Structure formats: C-alpha cells, structure tokens
C-alpha atoms as a PDB file:
ATOM      1  CA  MET A   1      -0.657  23.530  35.863  1.00  0.00           C
ATOM      2  CA  SER A   2       0.285  20.328  34.079  1.00  0.00           C
ATOM      3  CA  ALA A   3      -0.969  16.810  34.681  1.00  0.00           C
ATOM      4  CA  CYS A   4       1.872  16.318  37.185  1.00  0.00           C
ATOM      5  CA  ASP A   5       1.086  17.502  40.684  1.00  0.00           C
ATOM      6  CA  TRP A   6       4.191  19.280  41.990  1.00  0.00           C
ATOM      7  CA  ARG A   7       3.243  18.591  45.630  1.00  0.00           C
ATOM      8  CA  SER A   8       3.304  14.799  45.253  1.00  0.00           C
ATOM      9  CA  ARG A   9       6.430  14.447  43.100  1.00  0.00           C
ATOM     10  CA  PRO A  10       8.779  16.568  41.020  1.00  0.00           C
ATOM     11  CA  PRO A  11       6.970  19.268  38.998  1.00  0.00           C
ATOM     12  CA  PHE A  12       7.492  17.740  35.581  1.00  0.00           C
ATOM     13  CA  CYS A  13       6.576  14.632  33.643  1.00  0.00           C
ATOM     14  CA  ILE A  14       7.387  12.782  30.443  1.00  0.00           C
ATOM     15  CA  GLY A  15       4.487  14.254  28.486  1.00  0.00           C
ATOM     16  CA  GLU A  16       5.852  17.759  28.992  1.00  0.00           C
ATOM     17  CA  ALA A  17       9.287  16.676  27.770  1.00  0.00           C
ATOM     18  CA  ARG A  18       7.733  15.258  24.601  1.00  0.00           C
ATOM     19  CA  ARG A  19       5.871  18.526  23.948  1.00  0.00           C
ATOM     20  CA  ASP A  20       9.065  20.525  24.520  1.00  0.00           C
ATOM     21  CA  ALA A  21      11.031  18.193  22.244  1.00  0.00           C
ATOM     22  CA  GLU A  22       8.451  18.546  19.455  1.00  0.00           C
ATOM     23  CA  ASN A  23       8.595  22.341  19.670  1.00  0.00           C
ATOM     24  CA  THR A  24      12.371  22.706  19.593  1.00  0.00           C
ATOM     25  CA  SER A  25      15.231  21.057  17.781  1.00  0.00           C
ATOM     26  CA  MET A  26      17.310  20.734  20.955  1.00  0.00           C
ATOM     27  CA  LEU A  27      16.021  19.174  24.150  1.00  0.00           C
ATOM     28  CA  SER A  28      16.330  21.705  26.953  1.00  0.00           C
ATOM     29  CA  LEU A  29      17.793  20.851  30.338  1.00  0.00           C
ATOM     30  CA  SER A  30      14.400  21.284  31.978  1.00  0.00           C
ATOM     31  CA  ALA A  31      12.834  18.920  29.438  1.00  0.00           C
ATOM     32  CA  LEU A  32      15.545  16.364  30.131  1.00  0.00           C
ATOM     33  CA  ARG A  33      14.851  16.623  33.861  1.00  0.00           C
ATOM     34  CA  ARG A  34      11.165  16.163  33.212  1.00  0.00           C
ATOM     35  CA  ALA A  35      11.793  13.067  31.081  1.00  0.00           C
ATOM     36  CA  LEU A  36      14.045  11.470  33.668  1.00  0.00           C
ATOM     37  CA  CYS A  37      11.815  12.066  36.624  1.00  0.00           C
ATOM     38  CA  SER A  38       8.592  10.189  36.041  1.00  0.00           C
ATOM     39  CA  SER A  39       8.701   8.465  39.427  1.00  0.00           C
ATOM     40  CA  GLN A  40      10.023   9.277  42.868  1.00  0.00           C
ATOM     41  CA  ARG A  41      12.790   6.651  42.544  1.00  0.00           C
ATOM     42  CA  ALA A  42      13.826   8.093  39.186  1.00  0.00           C
ATOM     43  CA  TRP A  43      13.896  11.554  40.758  1.00  0.00           C
ATOM     44  CA  VAL A  44      16.236  10.375  43.512  1.00  0.00           C
ATOM     45  CA  MET A  45      18.500   8.652  40.986  1.00  0.00           C
ATOM     46  CA  ALA A  46      18.559  11.649  38.649  1.00  0.00           C
ATOM     47  CA  ALA A  47      19.236  14.021  41.513  1.00  0.00           C
ATOM     48  CA  GLY A  48      21.871  11.887  43.137  1.00  0.00           C
ATOM     49  CA  GLY A  49      23.108   9.341  40.674  1.00  0.00           C
ATOM     50  CA  GLN A  50      23.059   5.612  41.050  1.00  0.00           C
ATOM     51  CA  LEU A  51      24.945   3.860  43.813  1.00  0.00           C
ATOM     52  CA  SER A  52      26.987   2.015  41.194  1.00  0.00           C
ATOM     53  CA  SER A  53      28.229   5.366  39.858  1.00  0.00           C
ATOM     54  CA  VAL A  54      30.119   6.066  43.107  1.00  0.00           C
ATOM     55  CA  PRO A  55      33.772   5.064  42.528  1.00  0.00           C
ATOM     56  CA  GLU A  56      34.755   2.144  44.752  1.00  0.00           C
ATOM     57  CA  VAL A  57      38.294   3.426  45.266  1.00  0.00           C
ATOM     58  CA  GLU A  58      39.968   6.819  45.393  1.00  0.00           C
ATOM     59  CA  LEU A  59      43.601   6.701  46.532  1.00  0.00           C
ATOM     60  CA  ASP A  60      46.678   8.843  46.140  1.00  0.00           C
ATOM     61  CA  PRO A  61      48.973   7.256  43.544  1.00  0.00           C
ATOM     62  CA  ASP A  62      52.000   6.866  45.817  1.00  0.00           C
ATOM     63  CA  GLY A  63      53.060   6.964  49.442  1.00  0.00           C
ATOM     64  CA  THR A  64      51.916   5.753  52.827  1.00  0.00           C
ATOM     65  CA  PHE A  65      48.741   7.400  54.034  1.00  0.00           C
ATOM     66  CA  LYS A  66      45.570   7.013  56.062  1.00  0.00           C
ATOM     67  CA  TYR A  67      42.500   5.370  54.551  1.00  0.00           C
ATOM     68  CA  ILE A  68      38.913   4.667  55.579  1.00  0.00           C
ATOM     69  CA  LEU A  69      36.381   2.036  54.575  1.00  0.00           C
ATOM     70  CA  VAL A  70      32.971   3.678  54.149  1.00  0.00           C
ATOM     71  CA  ARG A  71      29.531   2.137  53.685  1.00  0.00           C
ATOM     72  CA  VAL A  72      27.458   4.290  51.329  1.00  0.00           C
ATOM     73  CA  GLN A  73      23.720   3.603  51.565  1.00  0.00           C
ATOM     74  CA  ARG A  74      20.469   4.547  49.987  1.00  0.00           C
ATOM     75  CA  GLY A  75      17.618   3.248  52.102  1.00  0.00           C
ATOM     76  CA  THR A  76      18.088   0.176  54.241  1.00  0.00           C
ATOM     77  CA  ASP A  77      18.848  -2.555  51.715  1.00  0.00           C
ATOM     78  CA  GLU A  78      20.975  -0.846  49.073  1.00  0.00           C
ATOM     79  CA  HIS A  79      24.624  -0.172  49.943  1.00  0.00           C
ATOM     80  CA  ARG A  80      28.170  -0.162  48.622  1.00  0.00           C
ATOM     81  CA  ASP A  81      31.471  -0.166  50.501  1.00  0.00           C
ATOM     82  CA  ILE A  82      34.090   2.260  49.213  1.00  0.00           C
ATOM     83  CA  VAL A  83      37.737   2.962  50.049  1.00  0.00           C
ATOM     84  CA  ARG A  84      39.168   6.464  50.331  1.00  0.00           C
ATOM     85  CA  GLY A  85      42.761   7.340  51.191  1.00  0.00           C
ATOM     86  CA  THR A  86      45.009  10.365  50.936  1.00  0.00           C
ATOM     87  CA  ALA A  87      48.288  11.669  52.281  1.00  0.00           C
ATOM     88  CA  GLY A  88      46.574  15.022  52.738  1.00  0.00           C
ATOM     89  CA  ALA A  89      44.625  13.771  55.762  1.00  0.00           C
ATOM     90  CA  GLU A  90      46.261  14.306  59.126  1.00  0.00           C
ATOM     91  CA  PHE A  91      43.536  12.226  60.788  1.00  0.00           C
ATOM     92  CA  HIS A  92      41.102   9.612  59.464  1.00  0.00           C
ATOM     93  CA  ASN A  93      38.124  11.862  60.206  1.00  0.00           C
ATOM     94  CA  HIS A  94      39.476  14.436  57.734  1.00  0.00           C
ATOM     95  CA  ILE A  95      38.845  11.902  54.961  1.00  0.00           C
ATOM     96  CA  PHE A  96      35.324  11.191  56.203  1.00  0.00           C
ATOM     97  CA  GLU A  97      34.591  14.921  56.552  1.00  0.00           C
ATOM     98  CA  LYS A  98      35.369  15.273  52.841  1.00  0.00           C
ATOM     99  CA  VAL A  99      33.546  12.146  51.613  1.00  0.00           C
ATOM    100  CA  ASN A 100      30.366  12.464  53.684  1.00  0.00           C
ATOM    101  CA  PRO A 101      29.136  15.845  52.338  1.00  0.00           C
ATOM    102  CA  GLU A 102      29.888  14.751  48.761  1.00  0.00           C
ATOM    103  CA  MET A 103      27.776  11.619  49.206  1.00  0.00           C
ATOM    104  CA  GLU A 104      24.981  13.501  51.023  1.00  0.00           C
ATOM    105  CA  LYS A 105      24.704  15.840  48.011  1.00  0.00           C
ATOM    106  CA  LEU A 106      24.055  12.731  45.915  1.00  0.00           C
ATOM    107  CA  GLY A 107      21.349  11.510  48.290  1.00  0.00           C
ATOM    108  CA  PHE A 108      23.397   8.872  50.112  1.00  0.00           C
ATOM    109  CA  VAL A 109      24.044   8.208  53.796  1.00  0.00           C
ATOM    110  CA  CYS A 110      27.579   7.276  54.880  1.00  0.00           C
ATOM    111  CA  LYS A 111      28.958   5.280  57.778  1.00  0.00           C
ATOM    112  CA  CYS A 112      32.674   4.883  58.425  1.00  0.00           C
ATOM    113  CA  LEU A 113      33.404   1.186  59.038  1.00  0.00           C
ATOM    114  CA  GLY A 114      36.967   1.819  60.216  1.00  0.00           C
ATOM    115  CA  GLY A 115      40.340   2.854  58.959  1.00  0.00           C
ATOM    116  CA  GLY A 116      43.997   2.079  58.708  1.00  0.00           C
ATOM    117  CA  LYS A 117      46.924   2.889  56.463  1.00  0.00           C
ATOM    118  CA  ILE A 118      47.803   2.094  52.889  1.00  0.00           C
ATOM    119  CA  GLU A 119      51.270   1.894  51.414  1.00  0.00           C
ATOM    120  CA  HIS A 120      50.841   2.467  47.675  1.00  0.00           C
ATOM    121  CA  ASN A 121      53.690   1.978  45.212  1.00  0.00           C
ATOM    122  CA  SER A 122      52.354   2.532  41.696  1.00  0.00           C
ATOM    123  CA  LYS A 123      55.768   1.959  40.076  1.00  0.00           C
ATOM    124  CA  ASP A 124      56.051  -1.583  41.479  1.00  0.00           C
ATOM    125  CA  LYS A 125      52.258  -2.070  41.397  1.00  0.00           C
ATOM    126  CA  LYS A 126      52.039  -2.979  45.067  1.00  0.00           C
ATOM    127  CA  ILE A 127      49.600  -1.991  47.797  1.00  0.00           C
ATOM    128  CA  ARG A 128      49.870  -2.942  51.456  1.00  0.00           C
ATOM    129  CA  VAL A 129      46.950  -2.383  53.857  1.00  0.00           C
ATOM    130  CA  PHE A 130      47.657  -2.284  57.597  1.00  0.00           C
ATOM    131  CA  GLY A 131      47.163  -0.421  60.861  1.00  0.00           C
ATOM    132  CA  LEU A 132      44.068   1.107  62.396  1.00  0.00           C
ATOM    133  CA  SER A 133      42.232   4.331  63.075  1.00  0.00           C
ATOM    134  CA  THR A 134      42.228   5.586  66.644  1.00  0.00           C
ATOM    135  CA  GLY A 135      38.885   7.315  66.102  1.00  0.00           C
ATOM    136  CA  TYR A 136      37.028   4.794  63.907  1.00  0.00           C
ATOM    137  CA  GLY A 137      38.750   1.551  64.850  1.00  0.00           C
ATOM    138  CA  LYS A 138      40.364  -0.952  62.496  1.00  0.00           C
ATOM    139  CA  ALA A 139      38.687  -1.482  59.157  1.00  0.00           C
ATOM    140  CA  ASP A 140      38.256  -5.048  57.981  1.00  0.00           C
ATOM    141  CA  HIS A 141      41.398  -5.061  55.834  1.00  0.00           C
ATOM    142  CA  SER A 142      40.310  -8.235  54.023  1.00  0.00           C
ATOM    143  CA  VAL A 143      37.212  -6.385  52.756  1.00  0.00           C
ATOM    144  CA  THR A 144      39.354  -3.398  51.790  1.00  0.00           C
ATOM    145  CA  VAL A 145      41.729  -5.652  49.835  1.00  0.00           C
ATOM    146  CA  GLU A 146      38.857  -7.291  47.923  1.00  0.00           C
ATOM    147  CA  ILE A 147      37.598  -3.843  46.899  1.00  0.00           C
ATOM    148  CA  LEU A 148      41.105  -2.717  45.905  1.00  0.00           C
ATOM    149  CA  LYS A 149      41.615  -5.852  43.782  1.00  0.00           C
ATOM    150  CA  ARG A 150      38.637  -4.901  41.606  1.00  0.00           C
ATOM    151  CA  THR A 151      40.238  -1.546  40.787  1.00  0.00           C
ATOM    152  CA  TYR A 152      43.929  -2.502  40.788  1.00  0.00           C
ATOM    153  CA  LYS A 153      43.644  -5.788  38.887  1.00  0.00           C
ATOM    154  CA  ASP A 154      47.332  -6.088  37.973  1.00  0.00           C
ATOM    155  CA  TYR A 155      48.657  -5.162  41.441  1.00  0.00           C
ATOM    156  CA  GLU A 156      50.057  -7.294  44.224  1.00  0.00           C
ATOM    157  CA  ILE A 157      47.836  -6.383  47.191  1.00  0.00           C
ATOM    158  CA  SER A 158      48.347  -7.597  50.753  1.00  0.00           C
ATOM    159  CA  TRP A 159      47.129  -6.807  54.237  1.00  0.00           C
ATOM    160  CA  SER A 160      48.173  -7.408  57.824  1.00  0.00           C
ATOM    161  CA  ASP A 161      47.150  -6.456  61.329  1.00  0.00           C
ATOM    162  CA  ASP A 162      50.579  -4.889  61.889  1.00  0.00           C
ATOM    163  CA  LYS A 163      50.471  -1.332  63.158  1.00  0.00           C
ATOM    164  CA  LYS A 164      53.469  -0.254  61.049  1.00  0.00           C
END
C-alpha cells in the first residue's frame, strides 16, 4: 500500500503520479486522478467539477416555454443560481427532474427557487420573462433577468408579473 491511506481519502496521491509520469512518456488517467486528488476538497472538485463550471443559462433558442430558477449548492456557503428553460417540458418539474440528477452526479445539491415562462426570440435578440409555476411558485424574475443579461449581453431582456 502507498503512503496514501485509502480509507481516509481517495486511494492515490501526488507522489504516485510523479512515479508513474517518470516511468512512462504519457501520463495515464489514473496518474492524473492521483495528481488532482491530494486533498478531500480537490477530490470533490475533480469528481464533480467546480461550481463556476456549471453553465448559468441553458435555454431553447426560440419560442415561448417554461423555465425554472435553480440554486445549485455545494455545502452551506457556496452556491450559484442557474436558469433552465425548454419547450420540451410540459410542466416545470420536468425541467427540474432533468437538471437535479445531472447536478447530483457532479456533487451538487439543487433547490428550485420558482419558475415562470420565457419568450425567446433569437432573431430579434429579445427575451421576455413572465408568469409563474403552479408547482414551484413564481421565480424572482428580476434575478432571472440579471443572470440572463450575463449570457445574452446584446439582447433586450425584460420581465413582468403578467401571467401571459
């Protein structure tokens, strides 16, 4: 057994990666894992990616469709709000049921903060946020718009509390 105790953290360490790298011209995948995972936090990040790597926005390019505002968290103090919307969702929970397992695989916990509708016109570069989710309640559309503005910088983006 190596100097790394597999019961207390991942079963590999940087020293092993160096030995592997010296013995071969190409770094193996297992050696790369060992190099990345010298601490528990590094292991979580390597296994699940960093919170900043989660795209803030994923929307269909055109149409009027349901959307949800989701808080993605790692621990209690690290979080990011993301927007997901698609015409393929009959109900808001269908979007969450797709997003949540994807984020769990990356080591994150998700909470739906609410929903509504988005009218997206990529030709005219306009997005309108409105409405609410019967199941999750109304998302804070002003927060949604601020997130959308970071992704769609050259768009005209508006919101209202109108239901239609």
